C-alpha cells in the first residue's frame, strides 16, 4: 500500500508522517485507520529520509501484511506461551527444585520467562517488518528515498 503524507516530526532515525485515513482503496480495505483514528488523519512512525524536514511531503509504501500475523503475535503467542509455561513449570520437578518453590509458583515463573522470550521474538519480527517500509520524498529538495 502506498500513501502520501506530510512529515510532522523527525527524531533520529525515525519520523512521524500524518496521512489521510482511507484515502486509497487499499487503505479503506484495511480499515485500521478508521478503527484506531476514528476516520481522521493517521500518524505513522516510519524510517527517516536524509535531509527531510517537517512540512515536506513524502510517499510511504507499506508492504501488504496478513491481519493474522498481528493477531498471532499480539494475542496467540503470548497466551500459548503462558499456558505452556504454567503447564510445564508446574509439572517439571527439576525446575521447581531449582527454584525451591511449589507447583503453582514454578508454573507462573516459567510462564513469565517463556512470555518474555516470546516478546523478544515479536520485537524481532516487528523490526523485520519495519525494514520493509519504503519512504520517498515527494516535495522539496532533491529526490531521496530510504527503505530500512
N, C-alpha and C. Protein backbone atom coordinates (compact mmCIF):
# COMPACT_ATOMS: atom_id res chain seq x y z
N UNK A 1 0.84 -1.16 0.00
CA UNK A 1 0.00 0.00 0.00
C UNK A 1 0.90 1.24 0.00
N UNK A 2 0.61 2.16 -0.89
CA UNK A 2 1.40 3.39 -0.98
C UNK A 2 0.48 4.56 -0.68
N UNK A 3 0.91 5.39 0.27
CA UNK A 3 0.13 6.56 0.68
C UNK A 3 1.05 7.77 0.74
N UNK A 4 0.47 8.94 0.60
CA UNK A 4 1.23 10.19 0.73
C UNK A 4 0.91 10.82 2.07
N UNK A 5 1.87 11.56 2.59
CA UNK A 5 1.66 12.24 3.86
C UNK A 5 2.61 13.39 4.04
N UNK A 6 2.42 14.10 5.13
CA UNK A 6 3.24 15.26 5.47
C UNK A 6 4.05 14.91 6.73
N UNK A 7 5.35 15.17 6.68
CA UNK A 7 6.22 14.93 7.83
C UNK A 7 5.87 15.95 8.91
N UNK A 8 5.60 15.46 10.13
CA UNK A 8 5.29 16.38 11.22
C UNK A 8 6.39 16.42 12.28
N UNK A 9 7.26 15.41 12.29
CA UNK A 9 8.33 15.38 13.28
C UNK A 9 9.43 14.45 12.79
N UNK A 10 10.69 14.85 12.97
CA UNK A 10 11.83 14.00 12.65
C UNK A 10 12.65 13.85 13.92
N UNK A 11 12.90 12.59 14.30
CA UNK A 11 13.64 12.33 15.53
C UNK A 11 14.61 11.18 15.29
N UNK A 12 15.88 11.52 15.11
CA UNK A 12 16.91 10.50 14.89
C UNK A 12 16.68 9.74 13.60
N UNK A 13 16.51 8.41 13.71
CA UNK A 13 16.33 7.58 12.53
C UNK A 13 14.86 7.37 12.18
N UNK A 14 13.95 8.01 12.93
CA UNK A 14 12.51 7.86 12.69
C UNK A 14 11.87 9.21 12.45
N UNK A 15 10.77 9.19 11.73
CA UNK A 15 9.99 10.41 11.56
C UNK A 15 8.51 10.05 11.59
N UNK A 16 7.70 11.03 12.01
CA UNK A 16 6.26 10.85 12.08
C UNK A 16 5.63 11.51 10.87
N UNK A 17 4.76 10.77 10.19
CA UNK A 17 4.11 11.25 8.98
C UNK A 17 2.60 11.23 9.20
N UNK A 18 1.95 12.37 8.93
CA UNK A 18 0.49 12.44 9.03
C UNK A 18 -0.09 12.09 7.68
N UNK A 19 -0.97 11.07 7.68
CA UNK A 19 -1.60 10.62 6.44
C UNK A 19 -3.11 10.67 6.59
N UNK A 20 -3.77 10.86 5.49
CA UNK A 20 -5.22 10.92 5.49
C UNK A 20 -5.78 9.50 5.53
N UNK A 21 -6.61 9.21 6.49
CA UNK A 21 -7.19 7.87 6.63
C UNK A 21 -8.16 7.58 5.50
N UNK A 22 -8.06 6.38 4.94
CA UNK A 22 -8.99 5.93 3.91
C UNK A 22 -8.88 6.64 2.58
N UNK A 23 -7.70 7.17 2.26
CA UNK A 23 -7.56 7.93 1.02
C UNK A 23 -7.38 7.05 -0.22
N UNK A 24 -7.11 5.77 -0.05
CA UNK A 24 -6.98 4.87 -1.20
C UNK A 24 -7.79 3.61 -0.95
N UNK A 25 -7.97 2.84 -2.01
CA UNK A 25 -8.74 1.59 -1.90
C UNK A 25 -8.07 0.61 -0.94
N UNK A 26 -6.74 0.48 -1.03
CA UNK A 26 -6.02 -0.44 -0.14
C UNK A 26 -6.17 0.00 1.31
N UNK A 27 -6.11 1.30 1.54
CA UNK A 27 -6.25 1.83 2.90
C UNK A 27 -7.67 1.55 3.42
N UNK A 28 -8.68 1.75 2.58
CA UNK A 28 -10.06 1.51 3.02
C UNK A 28 -10.30 0.03 3.29
N UNK A 29 -9.66 -0.86 2.52
CA UNK A 29 -9.82 -2.30 2.75
C UNK A 29 -9.27 -2.71 4.10
N UNK A 30 -8.15 -2.12 4.49
CA UNK A 30 -7.52 -2.46 5.76
C UNK A 30 -8.42 -2.07 6.92
N UNK A 31 -8.90 -0.84 6.92
CA UNK A 31 -9.82 -0.38 7.96
C UNK A 31 -9.18 -0.04 9.28
N UNK A 32 -7.89 -0.24 9.44
CA UNK A 32 -7.25 0.04 10.74
C UNK A 32 -7.32 1.51 11.11
N UNK A 33 -7.18 2.38 10.12
CA UNK A 33 -7.22 3.82 10.40
C UNK A 33 -8.59 4.22 10.95
N UNK A 34 -9.64 3.68 10.39
CA UNK A 34 -10.97 4.04 10.86
C UNK A 34 -11.19 3.55 12.28
N UNK A 35 -10.67 2.39 12.60
CA UNK A 35 -10.83 1.85 13.95
C UNK A 35 -9.97 2.62 14.94
N UNK A 36 -8.70 2.83 14.60
CA UNK A 36 -7.77 3.48 15.51
C UNK A 36 -7.98 4.99 15.56
N UNK A 37 -8.11 5.60 14.41
CA UNK A 37 -8.17 7.06 14.35
C UNK A 37 -9.59 7.58 14.12
N UNK A 38 -10.59 6.71 14.18
CA UNK A 38 -11.99 7.10 14.01
C UNK A 38 -12.21 7.86 12.71
N UNK A 39 -11.53 7.43 11.63
CA UNK A 39 -11.73 8.02 10.32
C UNK A 39 -10.98 9.32 10.09
N UNK A 40 -10.19 9.78 11.07
CA UNK A 40 -9.45 11.03 10.90
C UNK A 40 -8.05 10.74 10.37
N UNK A 41 -7.22 11.79 10.33
CA UNK A 41 -5.84 11.61 9.89
C UNK A 41 -5.12 10.65 10.83
N UNK A 42 -4.19 9.91 10.26
CA UNK A 42 -3.42 8.92 10.99
C UNK A 42 -1.97 9.36 11.03
N UNK A 43 -1.28 9.12 12.14
CA UNK A 43 0.15 9.41 12.24
C UNK A 43 0.88 8.07 12.27
N UNK A 44 1.86 7.94 11.37
CA UNK A 44 2.61 6.69 11.26
C UNK A 44 4.08 7.00 11.46
N UNK A 45 4.75 6.22 12.30
CA UNK A 45 6.20 6.36 12.51
C UNK A 45 6.91 5.48 11.50
N UNK A 46 7.78 6.12 10.70
CA UNK A 46 8.47 5.43 9.60
C UNK A 46 9.96 5.77 9.66
N UNK A 47 10.80 5.01 8.94
CA UNK A 47 12.23 5.34 8.88
C UNK A 47 12.45 6.72 8.28
N UNK A 48 13.37 7.48 8.85
CA UNK A 48 13.64 8.84 8.38
C UNK A 48 14.39 8.82 7.05
N UNK A 49 14.12 9.84 6.26
CA UNK A 49 14.82 10.05 4.99
C UNK A 49 15.78 11.21 5.20
N UNK A 50 17.00 11.09 4.67
CA UNK A 50 18.02 12.11 4.86
C UNK A 50 17.53 13.48 4.40
N UNK A 51 17.80 14.50 5.19
CA UNK A 51 17.51 15.90 4.88
C UNK A 51 16.02 16.22 4.73
N UNK A 52 15.14 15.41 5.24
CA UNK A 52 13.71 15.72 5.20
C UNK A 52 13.36 16.47 6.47
N UNK A 53 12.58 17.55 6.30
CA UNK A 53 12.20 18.39 7.44
C UNK A 53 10.68 18.37 7.60
N UNK A 54 10.19 18.71 8.80
CA UNK A 54 8.74 18.80 8.99
C UNK A 54 8.10 19.73 7.97
N UNK A 55 6.94 19.34 7.49
CA UNK A 55 6.21 20.11 6.50
C UNK A 55 6.39 19.60 5.08
N UNK A 56 7.39 18.75 4.84
CA UNK A 56 7.62 18.22 3.50
C UNK A 56 6.72 17.01 3.24
N UNK A 57 6.42 16.79 1.97
CA UNK A 57 5.59 15.65 1.56
C UNK A 57 6.47 14.44 1.31
N UNK A 58 5.96 13.28 1.71
CA UNK A 58 6.65 12.02 1.45
C UNK A 58 5.64 10.99 0.99
N UNK A 59 6.15 9.98 0.33
CA UNK A 59 5.37 8.82 -0.07
C UNK A 59 5.82 7.66 0.80
N UNK A 60 4.87 6.97 1.41
CA UNK A 60 5.18 5.85 2.30
C UNK A 60 4.59 4.59 1.70
N UNK A 61 5.46 3.60 1.46
CA UNK A 61 5.00 2.33 0.92
C UNK A 61 5.14 1.26 2.00
N UNK A 62 3.98 0.77 2.45
CA UNK A 62 3.94 -0.25 3.49
C UNK A 62 3.57 -1.57 2.83
N UNK A 63 4.38 -2.61 3.01
CA UNK A 63 4.08 -3.88 2.37
C UNK A 63 2.78 -4.47 2.92
N UNK A 64 2.07 -5.15 2.05
CA UNK A 64 0.83 -5.82 2.46
C UNK A 64 1.18 -6.90 3.48
N UNK A 65 0.38 -6.98 4.51
CA UNK A 65 0.60 -8.00 5.54
C UNK A 65 -0.73 -8.64 5.89
N UNK A 66 -0.68 -9.87 6.27
CA UNK A 66 -1.89 -10.57 6.69
C UNK A 66 -2.30 -10.08 8.08
N UNK A 67 -3.59 -9.82 8.30
CA UNK A 67 -4.02 -9.43 9.64
C UNK A 67 -3.79 -10.55 10.66
N UNK A 68 -3.69 -11.78 10.18
CA UNK A 68 -3.45 -12.90 11.09
C UNK A 68 -2.08 -12.83 11.74
N UNK A 69 -1.11 -12.24 11.06
CA UNK A 69 0.23 -12.11 11.64
C UNK A 69 0.16 -11.29 12.92
N UNK A 70 -0.50 -10.17 12.88
CA UNK A 70 -0.63 -9.33 14.07
C UNK A 70 -1.41 -10.01 15.17
N UNK A 71 -2.49 -10.70 14.81
CA UNK A 71 -3.30 -11.38 15.81
C UNK A 71 -2.49 -12.46 16.50
N UNK A 72 -1.75 -13.22 15.73
CA UNK A 72 -0.93 -14.29 16.32
C UNK A 72 0.16 -13.71 17.20
N UNK A 73 0.85 -12.65 16.73
CA UNK A 73 1.94 -12.07 17.52
C UNK A 73 1.45 -11.41 18.80
N UNK A 74 0.33 -10.72 18.73
CA UNK A 74 -0.13 -9.95 19.88
C UNK A 74 -0.97 -10.78 20.85
N UNK A 75 -1.74 -11.71 20.34
CA UNK A 75 -2.66 -12.44 21.20
C UNK A 75 -2.31 -13.92 21.32
N UNK A 76 -2.15 -14.58 20.19
CA UNK A 76 -1.98 -16.02 20.18
C UNK A 76 -0.72 -16.52 20.87
N UNK A 77 0.43 -15.98 20.47
CA UNK A 77 1.69 -16.46 21.04
C UNK A 77 1.83 -16.19 22.54
N UNK A 78 1.51 -15.00 23.03
CA UNK A 78 1.63 -14.79 24.47
C UNK A 78 0.72 -15.70 25.29
N UNK A 79 -0.52 -15.91 24.85
CA UNK A 79 -1.43 -16.79 25.59
C UNK A 79 -0.92 -18.22 25.55
N UNK A 80 -0.47 -18.66 24.39
CA UNK A 80 0.06 -20.02 24.28
C UNK A 80 1.32 -20.19 25.13
N UNK A 81 2.19 -19.17 25.13
CA UNK A 81 3.42 -19.24 25.93
C UNK A 81 3.10 -19.30 27.42
N UNK A 82 2.16 -18.50 27.85
CA UNK A 82 1.77 -18.51 29.26
C UNK A 82 1.20 -19.86 29.66
N UNK A 83 0.30 -20.38 28.84
CA UNK A 83 -0.31 -21.68 29.15
C UNK A 83 0.73 -22.79 29.17
N UNK A 84 1.62 -22.80 28.18
CA UNK A 84 2.66 -23.83 28.14
C UNK A 84 3.60 -23.70 29.32
N UNK A 85 3.97 -22.47 29.66
CA UNK A 85 4.85 -22.25 30.80
C UNK A 85 4.23 -22.71 32.11
N UNK A 86 2.97 -22.41 32.30
CA UNK A 86 2.28 -22.83 33.53
C UNK A 86 2.20 -24.34 33.59
N UNK A 87 1.82 -24.96 32.48
CA UNK A 87 1.68 -26.41 32.44
C UNK A 87 3.03 -27.11 32.69
N UNK A 88 4.03 -26.72 31.94
CA UNK A 88 5.34 -27.36 32.08
C UNK A 88 5.99 -27.03 33.42
N UNK A 89 5.93 -25.76 33.81
CA UNK A 89 6.57 -25.34 35.05
C UNK A 89 5.98 -25.97 36.29
N UNK A 90 4.67 -26.23 36.27
CA UNK A 90 4.04 -26.84 37.45
C UNK A 90 4.33 -28.34 37.55
N UNK A 91 4.69 -28.97 36.45
CA UNK A 91 4.95 -30.42 36.47
C UNK A 91 6.43 -30.79 36.40
N UNK A 92 7.26 -29.85 36.06
CA UNK A 92 8.69 -30.11 35.89
C UNK A 92 9.36 -30.01 37.27
N UNK A 93 9.60 -31.14 37.88
CA UNK A 93 10.12 -31.15 39.25
C UNK A 93 11.54 -30.60 39.34
N UNK A 94 12.37 -30.85 38.35
CA UNK A 94 13.73 -30.31 38.40
C UNK A 94 13.70 -28.78 38.41
N UNK A 95 12.80 -28.19 37.65
CA UNK A 95 12.64 -26.73 37.61
C UNK A 95 12.20 -26.20 38.98
N UNK A 96 11.20 -26.87 39.54
CA UNK A 96 10.69 -26.43 40.85
C UNK A 96 11.75 -26.60 41.93
N UNK A 97 12.51 -27.69 41.87
CA UNK A 97 13.58 -27.91 42.85
C UNK A 97 14.68 -26.86 42.70
N UNK A 98 14.99 -26.49 41.47
CA UNK A 98 15.99 -25.46 41.22
C UNK A 98 15.57 -24.13 41.85
N UNK A 99 14.28 -23.80 41.71
CA UNK A 99 13.78 -22.55 42.29
C UNK A 99 13.42 -22.69 43.77
N UNK A 100 13.18 -23.92 44.19
CA UNK A 100 12.78 -24.15 45.57
C UNK A 100 11.37 -23.66 45.86
N UNK A 101 10.45 -23.86 44.89
CA UNK A 101 9.07 -23.39 45.03
C UNK A 101 8.09 -24.51 44.73
N UNK A 102 6.83 -24.27 45.02
CA UNK A 102 5.77 -25.23 44.75
C UNK A 102 5.35 -25.21 43.29
N UNK A 103 4.40 -26.08 42.93
CA UNK A 103 3.96 -26.20 41.54
C UNK A 103 3.34 -24.92 40.97
N UNK A 104 2.53 -24.22 41.76
CA UNK A 104 1.87 -23.02 41.25
C UNK A 104 2.88 -21.91 40.93
N UNK A 105 3.76 -21.66 41.85
CA UNK A 105 4.76 -20.61 41.64
C UNK A 105 5.76 -21.01 40.57
N UNK A 106 6.11 -22.29 40.50
CA UNK A 106 7.01 -22.76 39.44
C UNK A 106 6.40 -22.58 38.07
N UNK A 107 5.11 -22.88 37.95
CA UNK A 107 4.41 -22.69 36.68
C UNK A 107 4.32 -21.23 36.29
N UNK A 108 4.01 -20.37 37.27
CA UNK A 108 3.93 -18.93 36.99
C UNK A 108 5.29 -18.38 36.56
N UNK A 109 6.35 -18.80 37.25
CA UNK A 109 7.69 -18.31 36.92
C UNK A 109 8.09 -18.71 35.50
N UNK A 110 7.85 -19.96 35.15
CA UNK A 110 8.21 -20.40 33.79
C UNK A 110 7.31 -19.74 32.75
N UNK A 111 6.05 -19.52 33.08
CA UNK A 111 5.14 -18.83 32.17
C UNK A 111 5.62 -17.43 31.85
N UNK A 112 6.06 -16.70 32.89
CA UNK A 112 6.58 -15.34 32.67
C UNK A 112 7.87 -15.39 31.86
N UNK A 113 8.75 -16.32 32.15
CA UNK A 113 10.01 -16.45 31.42
C UNK A 113 9.76 -16.73 29.94
N UNK A 114 8.89 -17.68 29.66
CA UNK A 114 8.59 -18.01 28.27
C UNK A 114 7.89 -16.82 27.60
N UNK A 115 7.04 -16.11 28.33
CA UNK A 115 6.38 -14.93 27.79
C UNK A 115 7.37 -13.86 27.38
N UNK A 116 8.43 -13.66 28.18
CA UNK A 116 9.46 -12.68 27.82
C UNK A 116 10.20 -13.09 26.55
N UNK A 117 10.47 -14.38 26.42
CA UNK A 117 11.14 -14.86 25.21
C UNK A 117 10.25 -14.60 23.98
N UNK A 118 8.96 -14.87 24.11
CA UNK A 118 8.03 -14.63 23.01
C UNK A 118 7.98 -13.14 22.68
N UNK A 119 8.02 -12.29 23.69
CA UNK A 119 8.02 -10.84 23.47
C UNK A 119 9.24 -10.41 22.66
N UNK A 120 10.41 -10.94 22.98
CA UNK A 120 11.63 -10.60 22.26
C UNK A 120 11.52 -11.06 20.80
N UNK A 121 10.98 -12.24 20.59
CA UNK A 121 10.78 -12.74 19.22
C UNK A 121 9.84 -11.81 18.46
N UNK A 122 8.76 -11.38 19.09
CA UNK A 122 7.82 -10.46 18.44
C UNK A 122 8.50 -9.14 18.09
N UNK A 123 9.41 -8.66 18.93
CA UNK A 123 10.15 -7.43 18.63
C UNK A 123 10.99 -7.61 17.37
N UNK A 124 11.66 -8.76 17.24
CA UNK A 124 12.47 -9.01 16.05
C UNK A 124 11.61 -9.10 14.79
N UNK A 125 10.44 -9.71 14.90
CA UNK A 125 9.53 -9.78 13.76
C UNK A 125 9.08 -8.37 13.38
N UNK A 126 8.78 -7.53 14.37
CA UNK A 126 8.38 -6.15 14.10
C UNK A 126 9.50 -5.38 13.42
N UNK A 127 10.73 -5.55 13.88
CA UNK A 127 11.87 -4.89 13.24
C UNK A 127 12.03 -5.32 11.80
N UNK A 128 11.87 -6.61 11.57
CA UNK A 128 11.97 -7.13 10.20
C UNK A 128 10.89 -6.50 9.33
N UNK A 129 9.69 -6.37 9.84
CA UNK A 129 8.60 -5.77 9.08
C UNK A 129 8.86 -4.30 8.81
N UNK A 130 9.36 -3.56 9.81
CA UNK A 130 9.63 -2.14 9.63
C UNK A 130 10.74 -1.90 8.61
N UNK A 131 11.66 -2.83 8.46
CA UNK A 131 12.72 -2.68 7.47
C UNK A 131 12.17 -2.69 6.05
N UNK A 132 10.99 -3.23 5.87
CA UNK A 132 10.40 -3.33 4.54
C UNK A 132 9.61 -2.08 4.16
N UNK A 133 9.46 -1.10 5.06
CA UNK A 133 8.76 0.14 4.74
C UNK A 133 9.69 1.02 3.91
N UNK A 134 9.19 1.56 2.80
CA UNK A 134 9.98 2.41 1.93
C UNK A 134 9.38 3.81 1.97
N UNK A 135 10.23 4.82 2.22
CA UNK A 135 9.79 6.21 2.30
C UNK A 135 10.56 7.00 1.25
N UNK A 136 9.84 7.83 0.49
CA UNK A 136 10.45 8.67 -0.54
C UNK A 136 9.94 10.09 -0.40
N UNK A 137 10.85 11.04 -0.56
CA UNK A 137 10.47 12.45 -0.56
C UNK A 137 9.72 12.75 -1.85
N UNK A 138 8.63 13.50 -1.74
CA UNK A 138 7.88 13.89 -2.94
C UNK A 138 7.86 15.40 -3.14
N UNK A 139 8.40 16.17 -2.16
CA UNK A 139 8.46 17.62 -2.33
C UNK A 139 9.71 18.16 -1.66
N UNK A 140 10.17 19.30 -2.15
CA UNK A 140 11.30 19.99 -1.52
C UNK A 140 12.63 19.31 -1.72
N UNK A 141 13.58 20.02 -2.30
CA UNK A 141 14.94 19.50 -2.42
C UNK A 141 15.05 18.39 -3.44
N UNK A 142 16.18 17.69 -3.40
CA UNK A 142 16.44 16.63 -4.35
C UNK A 142 15.65 15.39 -3.95
N UNK A 143 15.44 14.51 -4.88
CA UNK A 143 14.71 13.28 -4.60
C UNK A 143 15.57 12.38 -3.73
N UNK A 144 14.96 11.84 -2.71
CA UNK A 144 15.66 10.93 -1.81
C UNK A 144 14.72 9.82 -1.43
N UNK A 145 15.26 8.66 -1.14
CA UNK A 145 14.41 7.55 -0.71
C UNK A 145 15.17 6.67 0.24
N UNK A 146 14.39 5.95 1.06
CA UNK A 146 15.05 5.07 2.01
C UNK A 146 14.11 3.96 2.39
N UNK A 147 14.60 2.77 2.33
CA UNK A 147 13.91 1.63 2.89
C UNK A 147 14.80 1.07 3.95
N UNK A 148 14.29 0.91 5.14
CA UNK A 148 15.13 0.44 6.24
C UNK A 148 14.97 -1.02 6.39
